[in-house]
Amino acid sequence: MATDSMICRVCDNEERASEGYPCDQCGTFICLICFFKGVVRCKDCTVKFGAAGSTENA
């Protein structure tokens, strides 16, 4: 059985792929909850490029 779930690269929760957004820098999956909190970069990109564009520390 195929699933469309992905791991959020901010909070590590498993969510449906259709219910999320890509990281602004690298395109990895960010879940709706993190996105609604204002997070637009994954943990790795937040570390690499700084906290600009994110309201939450990684």
PDB file of N, CA and C in Angstrom:
ATOM      1  N   MET A   1       0.841  -1.185   0.000  1.00  0.00           N
ATOM      2  CA  MET A   1       0.000   0.000   0.000  1.00  0.00           C
ATOM      3  C   MET A   1       0.884   1.247   0.000  1.00  0.00           C
ATOM      4  N   ALA A   2       0.682   2.130  -0.923  1.00  0.00           N
ATOM      5  CA  ALA A   2       1.460   3.362  -1.026  1.00  0.00           C
ATOM      6  C   ALA A   2       0.871   4.433  -0.113  1.00  0.00           C
ATOM      7  N   THR A   3       1.753   5.184   0.517  1.00  0.00           N
ATOM      8  CA  THR A   3       1.305   6.290   1.362  1.00  0.00           C
ATOM      9  C   THR A   3       1.888   7.585   0.825  1.00  0.00           C
ATOM     10  N   ASP A   4       1.233   8.669   1.159  1.00  0.00           N
ATOM     11  CA  ASP A   4       1.737   9.966   0.706  1.00  0.00           C
ATOM     12  C   ASP A   4       2.238  10.785   1.890  1.00  0.00           C
ATOM     13  N   SER A   5       2.735  10.097   2.924  1.00  0.00           N
ATOM     14  CA  SER A   5       3.194  10.808   4.106  1.00  0.00           C
ATOM     15  C   SER A   5       4.665  11.193   3.975  1.00  0.00           C
ATOM     16  N   MET A   6       5.003  12.308   4.624  1.00  0.00           N
ATOM     17  CA  MET A   6       6.373  12.807   4.642  1.00  0.00           C
ATOM     18  C   MET A   6       6.691  13.265   6.060  1.00  0.00           C
ATOM     19  N   ILE A   7       7.971  13.359   6.365  1.00  0.00           N
ATOM     20  CA  ILE A   7       8.424  13.838   7.665  1.00  0.00           C
ATOM     21  C   ILE A   7       8.714  15.335   7.554  1.00  0.00           C
ATOM     22  N   CYS A   8       8.103  16.110   8.449  1.00  0.00           N
ATOM     23  CA  CYS A   8       8.352  17.553   8.480  1.00  0.00           C
ATOM     24  C   CYS A   8       9.803  17.784   8.883  1.00  0.00           C
ATOM     25  N   ARG A   9      10.507  18.621   8.160  1.00  0.00           N
ATOM     26  CA  ARG A   9      11.914  18.883   8.424  1.00  0.00           C
ATOM     27  C   ARG A   9      12.128  19.978   9.459  1.00  0.00           C
ATOM     28  N   VAL A  10      11.039  20.343  10.149  1.00  0.00           N
ATOM     29  CA  VAL A  10      11.122  21.290  11.266  1.00  0.00           C
ATOM     30  C   VAL A  10      10.802  20.572  12.571  1.00  0.00           C
ATOM     31  N   CYS A  11       9.635  19.916  12.646  1.00  0.00           N
ATOM     32  CA  CYS A  11       9.178  19.303  13.895  1.00  0.00           C
ATOM     33  C   CYS A  11       9.298  17.778  13.901  1.00  0.00           C
ATOM     34  N   ASP A  12       9.672  17.180  12.772  1.00  0.00           N
ATOM     35  CA  ASP A  12       9.845  15.730  12.630  1.00  0.00           C
ATOM     36  C   ASP A  12       8.557  14.928  12.735  1.00  0.00           C
ATOM     37  N   ASN A  13       7.397  15.564  12.656  1.00  0.00           N
ATOM     38  CA  ASN A  13       6.124  14.840  12.630  1.00  0.00           C
ATOM     39  C   ASN A  13       5.867  14.302  11.233  1.00  0.00           C
ATOM     40  N   GLU A  14       5.207  13.168  11.169  1.00  0.00           N
ATOM     41  CA  GLU A  14       4.834  12.592   9.883  1.00  0.00           C
ATOM     42  C   GLU A  14       3.453  13.104   9.506  1.00  0.00           C
ATOM     43  N   GLU A  15       3.355  13.725   8.339  1.00  0.00           N
ATOM     44  CA  GLU A  15       2.109  14.324   7.870  1.00  0.00           C
ATOM     45  C   GLU A  15       1.885  13.954   6.414  1.00  0.00           C
ATOM     46  N   ARG A  16       0.668  14.148   5.937  1.00  0.00           N
ATOM     47  CA  ARG A  16       0.372  13.910   4.521  1.00  0.00           C
ATOM     48  C   ARG A  16       1.132  14.923   3.680  1.00  0.00           C
ATOM     49  N   ALA A  17       1.716  14.464   2.601  1.00  0.00           N
ATOM     50  CA  ALA A  17       2.513  15.331   1.734  1.00  0.00           C
ATOM     51  C   ALA A  17       1.689  16.465   1.151  1.00  0.00           C
ATOM     52  N   SER A  18       0.408  16.208   0.927  1.00  0.00           N
ATOM     53  CA  SER A  18      -0.450  17.232   0.347  1.00  0.00           C
ATOM     54  C   SER A  18      -0.822  18.319   1.350  1.00  0.00           C
ATOM     55  N   GLU A  19      -0.462  18.115   2.619  1.00  0.00           N
ATOM     56  CA  GLU A  19      -0.801  19.070   3.672  1.00  0.00           C
ATOM     57  C   GLU A  19       0.455  19.733   4.212  1.00  0.00           C
ATOM     58  N   GLY A  20       1.206  20.360   3.331  1.00  0.00           N
ATOM     59  CA  GLY A  20       2.424  21.039   3.741  1.00  0.00           C
ATOM     60  C   GLY A  20       2.965  21.907   2.628  1.00  0.00           C
ATOM     61  N   TYR A  21       4.102  22.501   2.897  1.00  0.00           N
ATOM     62  CA  TYR A  21       4.734  23.430   1.963  1.00  0.00           C
ATOM     63  C   TYR A  21       6.214  23.115   1.871  1.00  0.00           C
ATOM     64  N   PRO A  22       6.869  23.534   0.787  1.00  0.00           N
ATOM     65  CA  PRO A  22       8.313  23.314   0.678  1.00  0.00           C
ATOM     66  C   PRO A  22       9.103  24.394   1.415  1.00  0.00           C
ATOM     67  N   CYS A  23      10.288  24.030   1.878  1.00  0.00           N
ATOM     68  CA  CYS A  23      11.229  24.989   2.460  1.00  0.00           C
ATOM     69  C   CYS A  23      11.575  26.035   1.400  1.00  0.00           C
ATOM     70  N   ASP A  24      11.645  27.299   1.797  1.00  0.00           N
ATOM     71  CA  ASP A  24      11.972  28.374   0.857  1.00  0.00           C
ATOM     72  C   ASP A  24      13.351  28.222   0.222  1.00  0.00           C
ATOM     73  N   GLN A  25      14.281  27.575   0.912  1.00  0.00           N
ATOM     74  CA  GLN A  25      15.644  27.441   0.397  1.00  0.00           C
ATOM     75  C   GLN A  25      15.878  26.147  -0.374  1.00  0.00           C
ATOM     76  N   CYS A  26      15.501  25.009   0.223  1.00  0.00           N
ATOM     77  CA  CYS A  26      15.888  23.730  -0.387  1.00  0.00           C
ATOM     78  C   CYS A  26      14.716  22.901  -0.890  1.00  0.00           C
ATOM     79  N   GLY A  27      13.486  23.269  -0.518  1.00  0.00           N
ATOM     80  CA  GLY A  27      12.319  22.560  -1.023  1.00  0.00           C
ATOM     81  C   GLY A  27      11.884  21.353  -0.218  1.00  0.00           C
ATOM     82  N   THR A  28      12.547  21.045   0.912  1.00  0.00           N
ATOM     83  CA  THR A  28      12.103  19.916   1.729  1.00  0.00           C
ATOM     84  C   THR A  28      10.772  20.245   2.393  1.00  0.00           C
ATOM     85  N   PHE A  29      10.117  19.229   2.891  1.00  0.00           N
ATOM     86  CA  PHE A  29       8.747  19.328   3.390  1.00  0.00           C
ATOM     87  C   PHE A  29       8.650  20.029   4.744  1.00  0.00           C
ATOM     88  N   ILE A  30       7.716  20.989   4.848  1.00  0.00           N
ATOM     89  CA  ILE A  30       7.348  21.642   6.106  1.00  0.00           C
ATOM     90  C   ILE A  30       5.847  21.454   6.273  1.00  0.00           C
ATOM     91  N   CYS A  31       5.425  20.920   7.432  1.00  0.00           N
ATOM     92  CA  CYS A  31       4.007  20.632   7.655  1.00  0.00           C
ATOM     93  C   CYS A  31       3.188  21.914   7.824  1.00  0.00           C
ATOM     94  N   LEU A  32       1.881  21.781   7.727  1.00  0.00           N
ATOM     95  CA  LEU A  32       0.985  22.928   7.859  1.00  0.00           C
ATOM     96  C   LEU A  32       1.114  23.633   9.199  1.00  0.00           C
ATOM     97  N   ILE A  33       1.234  22.872  10.272  1.00  0.00           N
ATOM     98  CA  ILE A  33       1.309  23.479  11.599  1.00  0.00           C
ATOM     99  C   ILE A  33       2.535  24.380  11.709  1.00  0.00           C
ATOM    100  N   CYS A  34       3.678  23.896  11.271  1.00  0.00           N
ATOM    101  CA  CYS A  34       4.893  24.722  11.309  1.00  0.00           C
ATOM    102  C   CYS A  34       4.757  25.917  10.374  1.00  0.00           C
ATOM    103  N   PHE A  35       4.208  25.688   9.190  1.00  0.00           N
ATOM    104  CA  PHE A  35       4.032  26.775   8.235  1.00  0.00           C
ATOM    105  C   PHE A  35       3.102  27.852   8.801  1.00  0.00           C
ATOM    106  N   PHE A  36       2.014  27.429   9.460  1.00  0.00           N
ATOM    107  CA  PHE A  36       1.084  28.389  10.054  1.00  0.00           C
ATOM    108  C   PHE A  36       1.717  29.154  11.209  1.00  0.00           C
ATOM    109  N   LYS A  37       2.745  28.579  11.831  1.00  0.00           N
ATOM    110  CA  LYS A  37       3.488  29.284  12.876  1.00  0.00           C
ATOM    111  C   LYS A  37       4.467  30.299  12.281  1.00  0.00           C
ATOM    112  N   GLY A  38       4.588  30.296  10.960  1.00  0.00           N
ATOM    113  CA  GLY A  38       5.462  31.246  10.286  1.00  0.00           C
ATOM    114  C   GLY A  38       6.808  30.701   9.879  1.00  0.00           C
ATOM    115  N   VAL A  39       7.012  29.392  10.044  1.00  0.00           N
ATOM    116  CA  VAL A  39       8.290  28.781   9.679  1.00  0.00           C
ATOM    117  C   VAL A  39       8.307  28.535   8.174  1.00  0.00           C
ATOM    118  N   VAL A  40       9.293  29.069   7.484  1.00  0.00           N
ATOM    119  CA  VAL A  40       9.381  28.886   6.032  1.00  0.00           C
ATOM    120  C   VAL A  40      10.688  28.217   5.605  1.00  0.00           C
ATOM    121  N   ARG A  41      11.552  27.895   6.585  1.00  0.00           N
ATOM    122  CA  ARG A  41      12.799  27.187   6.300  1.00  0.00           C
ATOM    123  C   ARG A  41      12.913  25.968   7.206  1.00  0.00           C
ATOM    124  N   CYS A  42      13.462  24.885   6.669  1.00  0.00           N
ATOM    125  CA  CYS A  42      13.690  23.678   7.461  1.00  0.00           C
ATOM    126  C   CYS A  42      14.803  23.927   8.484  1.00  0.00           C
ATOM    127  N   LYS A  43      15.010  22.964   9.377  1.00  0.00           N
ATOM    128  CA  LYS A  43      16.047  23.101  10.407  1.00  0.00           C
ATOM    129  C   LYS A  43      17.420  23.352   9.798  1.00  0.00           C
ATOM    130  N   ASP A  44      17.772  22.563   8.792  1.00  0.00           N
ATOM    131  CA  ASP A  44      19.098  22.681   8.188  1.00  0.00           C
ATOM    132  C   ASP A  44      19.319  24.051   7.556  1.00  0.00           C
ATOM    133  N   CYS A  45      18.325  24.551   6.832  1.00  0.00           N
ATOM    134  CA  CYS A  45      18.471  25.854   6.181  1.00  0.00           C
ATOM    135  C   CYS A  45      18.452  26.994   7.192  1.00  0.00           C
ATOM    136  N   THR A  46      17.719  26.819   8.290  1.00  0.00           N
ATOM    137  CA  THR A  46      17.717  27.836   9.341  1.00  0.00           C
ATOM    138  C   THR A  46      19.112  27.945   9.953  1.00  0.00           C
ATOM    139  N   VAL A  47      19.761  26.799  10.164  1.00  0.00           N
ATOM    140  CA  VAL A  47      21.124  26.806  10.694  1.00  0.00           C
ATOM    141  C   VAL A  47      22.081  27.395   9.658  1.00  0.00           C
ATOM    142  N   LYS A  48      21.939  26.973   8.417  1.00  0.00           N
ATOM    143  CA  LYS A  48      22.857  27.386   7.364  1.00  0.00           C
ATOM    144  C   LYS A  48      22.709  28.859   6.999  1.00  0.00           C
ATOM    145  N   PHE A  49      21.472  29.352   6.889  1.00  0.00           N
ATOM    146  CA  PHE A  49      21.233  30.698   6.403  1.00  0.00           C
ATOM    147  C   PHE A  49      20.790  31.674   7.481  1.00  0.00           C
ATOM    148  N   GLY A  50      20.653  31.222   8.708  1.00  0.00           N
ATOM    149  CA  GLY A  50      20.219  32.096   9.798  1.00  0.00           C
ATOM    150  C   GLY A  50      18.710  32.009  10.011  1.00  0.00           C
ATOM    151  N   ALA A  51      18.259  32.655  11.052  1.00  0.00           N
ATOM    152  CA  ALA A  51      16.858  32.562  11.448  1.00  0.00           C
ATOM    153  C   ALA A  51      15.942  33.470  10.650  1.00  0.00           C
ATOM    154  N   ALA A  52      16.448  34.317   9.786  1.00  0.00           N
ATOM    155  CA  ALA A  52      15.587  35.189   8.976  1.00  0.00           C
ATOM    156  C   ALA A  52      14.607  34.339   8.180  1.00  0.00           C
ATOM    157  N   GLY A  53      13.346  34.698   8.231  1.00  0.00           N
ATOM    158  CA  GLY A  53      12.323  33.932   7.522  1.00  0.00           C
ATOM    159  C   GLY A  53      11.714  32.852   8.379  1.00  0.00           C
ATOM    160  N   SER A  54      12.086  32.796   9.640  1.00  0.00           N
ATOM    161  CA  SER A  54      11.525  31.820  10.559  1.00  0.00           C
ATOM    162  C   SER A  54      11.208  32.492  11.873  1.00  0.00           C
ATOM    163  N   THR A  55      10.048  32.185  12.439  1.00  0.00           N
ATOM    164  CA  THR A  55       9.682  32.763  13.732  1.00  0.00           C
ATOM    165  C   THR A  55       9.967  31.803  14.857  1.00  0.00           C
ATOM    166  N   GLU A  56      10.551  30.672  14.536  1.00  0.00           N
ATOM    167  CA  GLU A  56      10.807  29.639  15.529  1.00  0.00           C
ATOM    168  C   GLU A  56      12.253  29.206  15.422  1.00  0.00           C
ATOM    169  N   ASN A  57      12.923  29.038  16.551  1.00  0.00           N
ATOM    170  CA  ASN A  57      14.296  28.540  16.535  1.00  0.00           C
ATOM    171  C   ASN A  57      14.296  27.046  16.267  1.00  0.00           C
ATOM    172  N   ALA A  58      15.264  26.609  15.480  1.00  0.00           N
ATOM    173  CA  ALA A  58      15.335  25.185  15.132  1.00  0.00           C
ATOM    174  C   ALA A  58      15.946  24.376  16.226  1.00  0.00           C
TER     175      ALA A  58
END
